[in-house]
Amino acid sequence: MRKSLLALGVVAAVSAVPAQAEYLFGFGGMYMDYQDWGHGFGNDNDNNGNKISDRNQAVIGIEGGAVFDWGQIYGFYDYEGVDRAQDNRGASTKGTIHYNLTDSGISLYAQVYNTDADSGFHEQNRVLGFGYTGLKGDGWGFTPFIGVHQVNTTFADPSTGPDDKTNFSSKNSGNNGGMAGWVGYYNTDIAGQNFTFASWGEFEFARNDAYARAQSTSSANESPESWGLNGSANAMWNITKNWSTGILYRFTVNKLARKDYQDLLIYRVQYNF
């Protein structure tokens, strides 16, 4: 939990901008999700043979983003497994920033994603590279990026006890190749109702062997894939100015410890600030 609070502090720090920066627009909201890992086309168990239904969970979260004349920021915090026992929960947080280097929209890009679970799992992904913020219009925007990727993952077996110095069943830190991705949205009215369609994706390439093996193989005799994909396609119905509901279609390839193409559905109710 301490790591999650520290990561949440990073998101808050990223949101602190110079007083002279011109604010253009932004958004924020609190939401409640239910993640159903069995709803979709790829319902395989994970690479370790665990039932995928064990990942089903309720999540409460908060997110926000803002666009300024100098660039843009985004962050979220999820408290995961609120429908489970208190010793079987987790938390994830993410912060991203584009700092425009040119008037055309070429930007310096950075992101940090951190997730922790009471089961002993921890992963942090860090990306530093370049992006482009110039693809935008009335009610839409598309922001790509590419950068170098570092990872820090650990999994500890809690049953061995805190004094056992060999309790880490896996550990992987350092370079993990590169990452290219995007964030996009489109807001429109259909039959007198307002909808927001959005998508994000992260394509990992040239991953280190240990990370690639954990994400893309289920047995020791399989060859790992050096690439993976993680993303989402979202459809939100903005019922009123403050309330929205919708479905998030999450898709992965050789990611989240599930080889090949897999997916899940997230059902969301959101209160917009």
C-alpha atoms as a PDB file:
ATOM      1  CA  MET A   1       0.000   0.000   0.000  1.00  0.00           C
ATOM      2  CA  ARG A   2       2.907   2.359   0.754  1.00  0.00           C
ATOM      3  CA  LYS A   3       4.149   2.060  -2.829  1.00  0.00           C
ATOM      4  CA  SER A   4       0.667   2.819  -4.145  1.00  0.00           C
ATOM      5  CA  LEU A   5       0.424   5.945  -1.993  1.00  0.00           C
ATOM      6  CA  LEU A   6       3.826   7.068  -3.218  1.00  0.00           C
ATOM      7  CA  ALA A   7       2.754   6.518  -6.818  1.00  0.00           C
ATOM      8  CA  LEU A   8      -0.460   8.458  -6.184  1.00  0.00           C
ATOM      9  CA  GLY A   9       1.716  11.273  -4.890  1.00  0.00           C
ATOM     10  CA  VAL A  10       3.633  11.239  -8.161  1.00  0.00           C
ATOM     11  CA  VAL A  11       0.366  11.699 -10.080  1.00  0.00           C
ATOM     12  CA  ALA A  12      -0.523  14.637  -7.852  1.00  0.00           C
ATOM     13  CA  ALA A  13       2.918  16.157  -8.331  1.00  0.00           C
ATOM     14  CA  VAL A  14       2.653  15.871 -12.104  1.00  0.00           C
ATOM     15  CA  SER A  15      -0.610  17.793 -11.889  1.00  0.00           C
ATOM     16  CA  ALA A  16       1.148  20.775 -10.301  1.00  0.00           C
ATOM     17  CA  VAL A  17       1.783  23.222 -13.151  1.00  0.00           C
ATOM     18  CA  PRO A  18       3.260  26.700 -13.331  1.00  0.00           C
ATOM     19  CA  ALA A  19       0.856  29.491 -12.425  1.00  0.00           C
ATOM     20  CA  GLN A  20       1.513  31.253 -15.728  1.00  0.00           C
ATOM     21  CA  ALA A  21       0.459  28.213 -17.778  1.00  0.00           C
ATOM     22  CA  GLU A  22      -2.716  28.791 -19.778  1.00  0.00           C
ATOM     23  CA  TYR A  23      -5.356  26.160 -19.053  1.00  0.00           C
ATOM     24  CA  LEU A  24      -7.307  25.187 -22.181  1.00  0.00           C
ATOM     25  CA  PHE A  25      -9.644  22.385 -21.085  1.00  0.00           C
ATOM     26  CA  GLY A  26      -9.770  19.258 -18.958  1.00  0.00           C
ATOM     27  CA  PHE A  27     -11.878  16.576 -17.341  1.00  0.00           C
ATOM     28  CA  GLY A  28     -12.140  14.555 -14.161  1.00  0.00           C
ATOM     29  CA  GLY A  29     -14.344  11.976 -12.566  1.00  0.00           C
ATOM     30  CA  MET A  30     -14.853   9.201 -10.050  1.00  0.00           C
ATOM     31  CA  TYR A  31     -16.065   5.805 -11.212  1.00  0.00           C
ATOM     32  CA  MET A  32     -17.017   2.320 -10.171  1.00  0.00           C
ATOM     33  CA  ASP A  33     -16.124  -0.584 -12.443  1.00  0.00           C
ATOM     34  CA  TYR A  34     -16.824  -4.268 -12.581  1.00  0.00           C
ATOM     35  CA  GLN A  35     -14.181  -6.193 -14.499  1.00  0.00           C
ATOM     36  CA  ASP A  36     -15.454  -9.468 -15.961  1.00  0.00           C
ATOM     37  CA  TRP A  37     -12.528 -11.414 -17.393  1.00  0.00           C
ATOM     38  CA  GLY A  38     -14.839 -14.101 -18.780  1.00  0.00           C
ATOM     39  CA  HIS A  39     -16.849 -11.727 -20.995  1.00  0.00           C
ATOM     40  CA  GLY A  40     -15.186 -11.535 -24.384  1.00  0.00           C
ATOM     41  CA  PHE A  41     -13.695 -13.784 -27.027  1.00  0.00           C
ATOM     42  CA  GLY A  42     -10.505 -14.885 -25.289  1.00  0.00           C
ATOM     43  CA  ASN A  43     -11.426 -16.529 -21.993  1.00  0.00           C
ATOM     44  CA  ASP A  44      -8.331 -18.677 -21.468  1.00  0.00           C
ATOM     45  CA  ASN A  45      -6.811 -19.122 -18.029  1.00  0.00           C
ATOM     46  CA  ASP A  46      -3.593 -17.233 -17.385  1.00  0.00           C
ATOM     47  CA  ASN A  47      -0.138 -18.525 -18.278  1.00  0.00           C
ATOM     48  CA  ASN A  48       0.281 -20.067 -14.819  1.00  0.00           C
ATOM     49  CA  GLY A  49      -2.910 -22.105 -15.066  1.00  0.00           C
ATOM     50  CA  ASN A  50      -4.945 -19.914 -12.723  1.00  0.00           C
ATOM     51  CA  LYS A  51      -8.655 -19.548 -13.445  1.00  0.00           C
ATOM     52  CA  ILE A  52      -9.275 -16.305 -15.279  1.00  0.00           C
ATOM     53  CA  SER A  53     -12.521 -15.863 -13.328  1.00  0.00           C
ATOM     54  CA  ASP A  54     -10.377 -15.339 -10.219  1.00  0.00           C
ATOM     55  CA  ARG A  55      -9.472 -11.934 -11.669  1.00  0.00           C
ATOM     56  CA  ASN A  56     -13.087 -10.721 -11.698  1.00  0.00           C
ATOM     57  CA  GLN A  57     -13.320  -7.719  -9.408  1.00  0.00           C
ATOM     58  CA  ALA A  58     -15.034  -4.471  -8.517  1.00  0.00           C
ATOM     59  CA  VAL A  59     -12.923  -1.323  -8.723  1.00  0.00           C
ATOM     60  CA  ILE A  60     -13.389   2.245  -7.539  1.00  0.00           C
ATOM     61  CA  GLY A  61     -11.213   4.913  -9.080  1.00  0.00           C
ATOM     62  CA  ILE A  62     -10.561   8.529  -9.873  1.00  0.00           C
ATOM     63  CA  GLU A  63      -9.045  10.062 -13.003  1.00  0.00           C
ATOM     64  CA  GLY A  64      -8.348  13.436 -14.489  1.00  0.00           C
ATOM     65  CA  GLY A  65      -6.603  15.159 -17.350  1.00  0.00           C
ATOM     66  CA  ALA A  66      -5.903  18.666 -18.550  1.00  0.00           C
ATOM     67  CA  VAL A  67      -4.589  20.416 -21.656  1.00  0.00           C
ATOM     68  CA  PHE A  68      -2.467  23.552 -21.355  1.00  0.00           C
ATOM     69  CA  ASP A  69      -0.703  25.763 -23.856  1.00  0.00           C
ATOM     70  CA  TRP A  70       2.548  23.934 -23.005  1.00  0.00           C
ATOM     71  CA  GLY A  71       1.217  20.353 -23.234  1.00  0.00           C
ATOM     72  CA  GLN A  72      -1.060  17.943 -21.418  1.00  0.00           C
ATOM     73  CA  ILE A  73      -1.239  15.676 -18.357  1.00  0.00           C
ATOM     74  CA  TYR A  74      -3.328  12.683 -17.288  1.00  0.00           C
ATOM     75  CA  GLY A  75      -3.537  10.441 -14.235  1.00  0.00           C
ATOM     76  CA  PHE A  76      -5.705   7.831 -12.555  1.00  0.00           C
ATOM     77  CA  TYR A  77      -5.849   5.810  -9.350  1.00  0.00           C
ATOM     78  CA  ASP A  78      -7.729   2.487  -9.005  1.00  0.00           C
ATOM     79  CA  TYR A  79      -8.494   0.689  -5.748  1.00  0.00           C
ATOM     80  CA  GLU A  80      -9.030  -2.877  -6.914  1.00  0.00           C
ATOM     81  CA  GLY A  81     -10.922  -5.834  -5.499  1.00  0.00           C
ATOM     82  CA  VAL A  82     -13.236  -3.881  -3.215  1.00  0.00           C
ATOM     83  CA  ASP A  83     -15.637  -6.831  -3.378  1.00  0.00           C
ATOM     84  CA  ARG A  84     -12.969  -9.137  -1.908  1.00  0.00           C
ATOM     85  CA  ALA A  85     -11.548  -9.672   1.557  1.00  0.00           C
ATOM     86  CA  GLN A  86      -9.340  -6.841   2.786  1.00  0.00           C
ATOM     87  CA  ASP A  87      -6.175  -8.951   2.450  1.00  0.00           C
ATOM     88  CA  ASN A  88      -6.874  -9.744  -1.217  1.00  0.00           C
ATOM     89  CA  ARG A  89      -6.999  -6.349  -2.870  1.00  0.00           C
ATOM     90  CA  GLY A  90      -4.715  -4.136  -4.913  1.00  0.00           C
ATOM     91  CA  ALA A  91      -4.122  -0.680  -6.310  1.00  0.00           C
ATOM     92  CA  SER A  92      -2.934   0.732  -9.630  1.00  0.00           C
ATOM     93  CA  THR A  93      -2.006   4.249 -10.645  1.00  0.00           C
ATOM     94  CA  LYS A  94      -0.689   5.967 -13.750  1.00  0.00           C
ATOM     95  CA  GLY A  95       0.620   9.398 -14.624  1.00  0.00           C
ATOM     96  CA  THR A  96       1.498  10.732 -18.085  1.00  0.00           C
ATOM     97  CA  ILE A  97       2.774  14.043 -19.399  1.00  0.00           C
ATOM     98  CA  HIS A  98       3.397  15.581 -22.824  1.00  0.00           C
ATOM     99  CA  TYR A  99       5.590  18.692 -22.804  1.00  0.00           C
ATOM    100  CA  ASN A 100       5.494  20.428 -26.177  1.00  0.00           C
ATOM    101  CA  LEU A 101       8.918  21.047 -27.695  1.00  0.00           C
ATOM    102  CA  THR A 102       7.618  22.783 -30.828  1.00  0.00           C
ATOM    103  CA  ASP A 103       4.535  24.754 -31.831  1.00  0.00           C
ATOM    104  CA  SER A 104       3.610  21.922 -34.200  1.00  0.00           C
ATOM    105  CA  GLY A 105       3.024  19.550 -31.264  1.00  0.00           C
ATOM    106  CA  ILE A 106       6.174  17.410 -31.072  1.00  0.00           C
ATOM    107  CA  SER A 107       6.458  16.658 -27.368  1.00  0.00           C
ATOM    108  CA  LEU A 108       8.678  15.165 -24.715  1.00  0.00           C
ATOM    109  CA  TYR A 109       6.669  12.273 -23.266  1.00  0.00           C
ATOM    110  CA  ALA A 110       6.906  10.424 -19.954  1.00  0.00           C
ATOM    111  CA  GLN A 111       4.707   7.944 -18.140  1.00  0.00           C
ATOM    112  CA  VAL A 112       4.806   5.892 -14.950  1.00  0.00           C
ATOM    113  CA  TYR A 113       2.421   3.011 -14.269  1.00  0.00           C
ATOM    114  CA  ASN A 114       2.466   1.210 -10.928  1.00  0.00           C
ATOM    115  CA  THR A 115       0.412  -1.717  -9.661  1.00  0.00           C
ATOM    116  CA  ASP A 116       0.553  -3.585  -6.352  1.00  0.00           C
ATOM    117  CA  ALA A 117      -1.464  -6.510  -5.031  1.00  0.00           C
ATOM    118  CA  ASP A 118      -1.773  -7.954  -1.549  1.00  0.00           C
ATOM    119  CA  SER A 119      -0.866 -11.337  -3.047  1.00  0.00           C
ATOM    120  CA  GLY A 120       2.732 -10.111  -3.320  1.00  0.00           C
ATOM    121  CA  PHE A 121       2.772  -8.905  -6.932  1.00  0.00           C
ATOM    122  CA  HIS A 122       4.320  -5.574  -7.896  1.00  0.00           C
ATOM    123  CA  GLU A 123       5.040  -4.053 -11.298  1.00  0.00           C
ATOM    124  CA  GLN A 124       6.151  -0.606 -12.360  1.00  0.00           C
ATOM    125  CA  ASN A 125       6.554   0.513 -15.984  1.00  0.00           C
ATOM    126  CA  ARG A 126       8.438   3.683 -16.908  1.00  0.00           C
ATOM    127  CA  VAL A 127       8.542   5.196 -20.404  1.00  0.00           C
ATOM    128  CA  LEU A 128      10.488   8.209 -21.626  1.00  0.00           C
ATOM    129  CA  GLY A 129      10.394   9.354 -25.231  1.00  0.00           C
ATOM    130  CA  PHE A 130       8.584  11.595 -27.665  1.00  0.00           C
ATOM    131  CA  GLY A 131       4.966  12.190 -28.622  1.00  0.00           C
ATOM    132  CA  TYR A 132       2.798  14.340 -30.840  1.00  0.00           C
ATOM    133  CA  THR A 133      -0.088  16.498 -29.595  1.00  0.00           C
ATOM    134  CA  GLY A 134      -0.988  18.228 -32.867  1.00  0.00           C
ATOM    135  CA  LEU A 135      -3.666  15.787 -34.050  1.00  0.00           C
ATOM    136  CA  LYS A 136      -6.863  17.365 -32.720  1.00  0.00           C
ATOM    137  CA  GLY A 137     -10.058  19.116 -33.689  1.00  0.00           C
ATOM    138  CA  ASP A 138     -13.539  19.991 -32.494  1.00  0.00           C
ATOM    139  CA  GLY A 139     -14.530  17.148 -30.173  1.00  0.00           C
ATOM    140  CA  TRP A 140     -11.662  14.816 -31.038  1.00  0.00           C
ATOM    141  CA  GLY A 141      -7.988  14.207 -30.435  1.00  0.00           C
ATOM    142  CA  PHE A 142      -5.335  11.568 -31.125  1.00  0.00           C
ATOM    143  CA  THR A 143      -1.983  11.564 -29.329  1.00  0.00           C
ATOM    144  CA  PRO A 144       0.701   8.997 -30.235  1.00  0.00           C
ATOM    145  CA  PHE A 145       4.004   8.389 -28.453  1.00  0.00           C
ATOM    146  CA  ILE A 146       7.124   6.213 -28.564  1.00  0.00           C
ATOM    147  CA  GLY A 147       9.888   5.755 -26.035  1.00  0.00           C
ATOM    148  CA  VAL A 148      12.303   3.547 -24.146  1.00  0.00           C
ATOM    149  CA  HIS A 149      10.726   1.226 -21.600  1.00  0.00           C
ATOM    150  CA  GLN A 150      11.974   0.177 -18.179  1.00  0.00           C
ATOM    151  CA  VAL A 151      10.266  -2.304 -15.889  1.00  0.00           C
ATOM    152  CA  ASN A 152      10.449  -3.414 -12.279  1.00  0.00           C
ATOM    153  CA  THR A 153       8.468  -6.502 -11.315  1.00  0.00           C
ATOM    154  CA  THR A 154       8.531  -8.697  -8.234  1.00  0.00           C
ATOM    155  CA  PHE A 155       6.368 -11.496  -6.979  1.00  0.00           C
ATOM    156  CA  ALA A 156       6.804 -12.646  -3.405  1.00  0.00           C
ATOM    157  CA  ASP A 157       5.218 -15.738  -1.874  1.00  0.00           C
ATOM    158  CA  PRO A 158       3.649 -14.419   1.345  1.00  0.00           C
ATOM    159  CA  SER A 159       3.546 -17.950   2.793  1.00  0.00           C
ATOM    160  CA  THR A 160       7.331 -17.967   3.255  1.00  0.00           C
ATOM    161  CA  GLY A 161       7.143 -15.175   5.826  1.00  0.00           C
ATOM    162  CA  PRO A 162       8.757 -11.733   5.977  1.00  0.00           C
ATOM    163  CA  ASP A 163      12.069 -13.026   7.388  1.00  0.00           C
ATOM    164  CA  ASP A 164      12.750 -15.373   4.478  1.00  0.00           C
ATOM    165  CA  LYS A 165      15.178 -13.501   2.227  1.00  0.00           C
ATOM    166  CA  THR A 166      14.525 -15.897  -0.672  1.00  0.00           C
ATOM    167  CA  ASN A 167      10.786 -15.366  -0.761  1.00  0.00           C
ATOM    168  CA  PHE A 168      10.835 -13.698  -4.201  1.00  0.00           C
ATOM    169  CA  SER A 169       9.659 -16.271  -6.715  1.00  0.00           C
ATOM    170  CA  SER A 170      10.399 -13.839  -9.560  1.00  0.00           C
ATOM    171  CA  LYS A 171      12.200 -10.555  -9.974  1.00  0.00           C
ATOM    172  CA  ASN A 172      12.829  -8.522 -13.124  1.00  0.00           C
ATOM    173  CA  SER A 173      14.264  -5.021 -13.256  1.00  0.00           C
ATOM    174  CA  GLY A 174      15.828  -2.823 -15.911  1.00  0.00           C
ATOM    175  CA  ASN A 175      15.548  -2.325 -19.632  1.00  0.00           C
ATOM    176  CA  ASN A 176      12.488  -3.774 -21.346  1.00  0.00           C
ATOM    177  CA  GLY A 177      12.935  -2.544 -24.909  1.00  0.00           C
ATOM    178  CA  GLY A 178      10.559   0.101 -26.157  1.00  0.00           C
ATOM    179  CA  MET A 179       6.924   1.113 -26.126  1.00  0.00           C
ATOM    180  CA  ALA A 180       4.786   2.849 -28.740  1.00  0.00           C
ATOM    181  CA  GLY A 181       1.200   3.801 -28.146  1.00  0.00           C
ATOM    182  CA  TRP A 182      -1.695   6.170 -28.480  1.00  0.00           C
ATOM    183  CA  VAL A 183      -4.610   7.857 -26.732  1.00  0.00           C
ATOM    184  CA  GLY A 184      -7.610   9.015 -28.740  1.00  0.00           C
ATOM    185  CA  TYR A 185     -11.168  10.226 -28.191  1.00  0.00           C
ATOM    186  CA  TYR A 186     -14.213  11.387 -30.139  1.00  0.00           C
ATOM    187  CA  ASN A 187     -17.220  13.151 -28.625  1.00  0.00           C
ATOM    188  CA  THR A 188     -20.480  13.310 -30.573  1.00  0.00           C
ATOM    189  CA  ASP A 189     -24.276  13.426 -30.311  1.00  0.00           C
ATOM    190  CA  ILE A 190     -26.388  10.494 -31.509  1.00  0.00           C
ATOM    191  CA  ALA A 191     -30.201  10.689 -31.473  1.00  0.00           C
ATOM    192  CA  GLY A 192     -30.070  13.634 -29.119  1.00  0.00           C
ATOM    193  CA  GLN A 193     -27.757  11.888 -26.658  1.00  0.00           C
ATOM    194  CA  ASN A 194     -24.085  12.656 -26.027  1.00  0.00           C
ATOM    195  CA  PHE A 195     -21.476   9.906 -26.324  1.00  0.00           C
ATOM    196  CA  THR A 196     -17.719   9.728 -25.915  1.00  0.00           C
ATOM    197  CA  PHE A 197     -15.735   7.054 -27.741  1.00  0.00           C
ATOM    198  CA  ALA A 198     -12.141   6.607 -26.669  1.00  0.00           C
ATOM    199  CA  SER A 199      -9.209   4.271 -27.142  1.00  0.00           C
ATOM    200  CA  TRP A 200      -5.710   3.778 -25.802  1.00  0.00           C
ATOM    201  CA  GLY A 201      -3.008   1.270 -26.587  1.00  0.00           C
ATOM    202  CA  GLU A 202       0.523   0.298 -25.632  1.00  0.00           C
ATOM    203  CA  PHE A 203       2.665  -1.802 -27.972  1.00  0.00           C
ATOM    204  CA  GLU A 204       5.748  -3.237 -26.260  1.00  0.00           C
ATOM    205  CA  PHE A 205       8.651  -4.387 -28.425  1.00  0.00           C
ATOM    206  CA  ALA A 206      12.147  -5.848 -27.920  1.00  0.00           C
ATOM    207  CA  ARG A 207      11.186  -6.917 -24.396  1.00  0.00           C
ATOM    208  CA  ASN A 208      13.742  -8.647 -22.213  1.00  0.00           C
ATOM    209  CA  ASP A 209      13.562 -12.430 -22.289  1.00  0.00           C
ATOM    210  CA  ALA A 210      12.348 -12.965 -18.738  1.00  0.00           C
ATOM    211  CA  TYR A 211       9.490 -10.481 -19.102  1.00  0.00           C
ATOM    212  CA  ALA A 212       8.550 -11.801 -22.550  1.00  0.00           C
ATOM    213  CA  ARG A 213       8.495 -15.359 -21.240  1.00  0.00           C
ATOM    214  CA  ALA A 214       6.214 -14.468 -18.325  1.00  0.00           C
ATOM    215  CA  GLN A 215       3.771 -12.685 -20.646  1.00  0.00           C
ATOM    216  CA  SER A 216       3.692 -15.011 -23.661  1.00  0.00           C
ATOM    217  CA  THR A 217       4.389 -18.604 -22.574  1.00  0.00           C
ATOM    218  CA  SER A 218       2.636 -21.177 -20.426  1.00  0.00           C
ATOM    219  CA  SER A 219       5.369 -23.843 -20.409  1.00  0.00           C
ATOM    220  CA  ALA A 220       9.169 -23.924 -20.342  1.00  0.00           C
ATOM    221  CA  ASN A 221       9.486 -25.438 -23.828  1.00  0.00           C
ATOM    222  CA  GLU A 222       7.656 -22.550 -25.544  1.00  0.00           C
ATOM    223  CA  SER A 223       9.549 -19.725 -27.230  1.00  0.00           C
ATOM    224  CA  PRO A 224       8.649 -16.279 -25.845  1.00  0.00           C
ATOM    225  CA  GLU A 225       7.321 -13.452 -27.996  1.00  0.00           C
ATOM    226  CA  SER A 226       9.374 -10.260 -27.804  1.00  0.00           C
ATOM    227  CA  TRP A 227       6.299  -8.065 -28.298  1.00  0.00           C
ATOM    228  CA  GLY A 228       2.970  -7.509 -26.589  1.00  0.00           C
ATOM    229  CA  LEU A 229      -0.104  -5.305 -26.870  1.00  0.00           C
ATOM    230  CA  ASN A 230      -2.312  -3.842 -24.157  1.00  0.00           C
ATOM    231  CA  GLY A 231      -5.236  -1.539 -24.902  1.00  0.00           C
ATOM    232  CA  SER A 232      -8.876  -0.567 -24.660  1.00  0.00           C
ATOM    233  CA  ALA A 233     -11.811   0.651 -26.767  1.00  0.00           C
ATOM    234  CA  ASN A 234     -14.396   2.539 -24.715  1.00  0.00           C
ATOM    235  CA  ALA A 235     -17.959   3.704 -25.313  1.00  0.00           C
ATOM    236  CA  MET A 236     -19.500   6.033 -22.727  1.00  0.00           C
ATOM    237  CA  TRP A 237     -23.033   7.431 -22.714  1.00  0.00           C
ATOM    238  CA  ASN A 238     -23.071  10.846 -21.042  1.00  0.00           C
ATOM    239  CA  ILE A 239     -26.543  10.700 -19.527  1.00  0.00           C
ATOM    240  CA  THR A 240     -26.242  14.117 -17.907  1.00  0.00           C
ATOM    241  CA  LYS A 241     -23.466  16.637 -17.378  1.00  0.00           C
ATOM    242  CA  ASN A 242     -22.371  14.757 -14.259  1.00  0.00           C
ATOM    243  CA  TRP A 243     -23.291  11.111 -14.891  1.00  0.00           C
ATOM    244  CA  SER A 244     -22.004   8.654 -17.489  1.00  0.00           C
ATOM    245  CA  THR A 245     -22.139   4.916 -17.994  1.00  0.00           C
ATOM    246  CA  GLY A 246     -20.640   2.576 -20.539  1.00  0.00           C
ATOM    247  CA  ILE A 247     -18.495  -0.390 -21.484  1.00  0.00           C
ATOM    248  CA  LEU A 248     -14.720  -0.629 -21.826  1.00  0.00           C
ATOM    249  CA  TYR A 249     -13.475  -3.423 -24.099  1.00  0.00           C
ATOM    250  CA  ARG A 250      -9.966  -4.328 -22.921  1.00  0.00           C
ATOM    251  CA  PHE A 251      -7.747  -6.353 -25.225  1.00  0.00           C
ATOM    252  CA  THR A 252      -4.293  -7.864 -24.849  1.00  0.00           C
ATOM    253  CA  VAL A 253      -1.831  -9.901 -26.875  1.00  0.00           C
ATOM    254  CA  ASN A 254       0.991 -11.578 -24.939  1.00  0.00           C
ATOM    255  CA  LYS A 255       0.336  -9.313 -21.966  1.00  0.00           C
ATOM    256  CA  LEU A 256      -1.064  -9.493 -18.421  1.00  0.00           C
ATOM    257  CA  ALA A 257       0.344 -13.039 -18.172  1.00  0.00           C
ATOM    258  CA  ARG A 258      -1.948 -14.259 -20.982  1.00  0.00           C
ATOM    259  CA  LYS A 259      -0.454 -15.409 -24.258  1.00  0.00           C
ATOM    260  CA  ASP A 260      -2.050 -14.760 -27.646  1.00  0.00           C
ATOM    261  CA  TYR A 261      -5.172 -12.596 -28.040  1.00  0.00           C
ATOM    262  CA  GLN A 262      -7.254 -12.199 -24.881  1.00  0.00           C
ATOM    263  CA  ASP A 263      -9.858  -9.717 -23.682  1.00  0.00           C
ATOM    264  CA  LEU A 264     -12.292  -8.702 -20.967  1.00  0.00           C
ATOM    265  CA  LEU A 265     -15.207  -6.321 -20.475  1.00  0.00           C
ATOM    266  CA  ILE A 266     -15.391  -3.547 -17.902  1.00  0.00           C
ATOM    267  CA  TYR A 267     -18.791  -2.130 -16.946  1.00  0.00           C
ATOM    268  CA  ARG A 268     -18.561   1.431 -15.641  1.00  0.00           C
ATOM    269  CA  VAL A 269     -20.685   4.039 -13.862  1.00  0.00           C
ATOM    270  CA  GLN A 270     -18.989   7.431 -13.546  1.00  0.00           C
ATOM    271  CA  TYR A 271     -19.587  10.757 -11.833  1.00  0.00           C
ATOM    272  CA  ASN A 272     -17.984  13.634 -13.742  1.00  0.00           C
ATOM    273  CA  PHE A 273     -16.672  16.693 -11.925  1.00  0.00           C
END
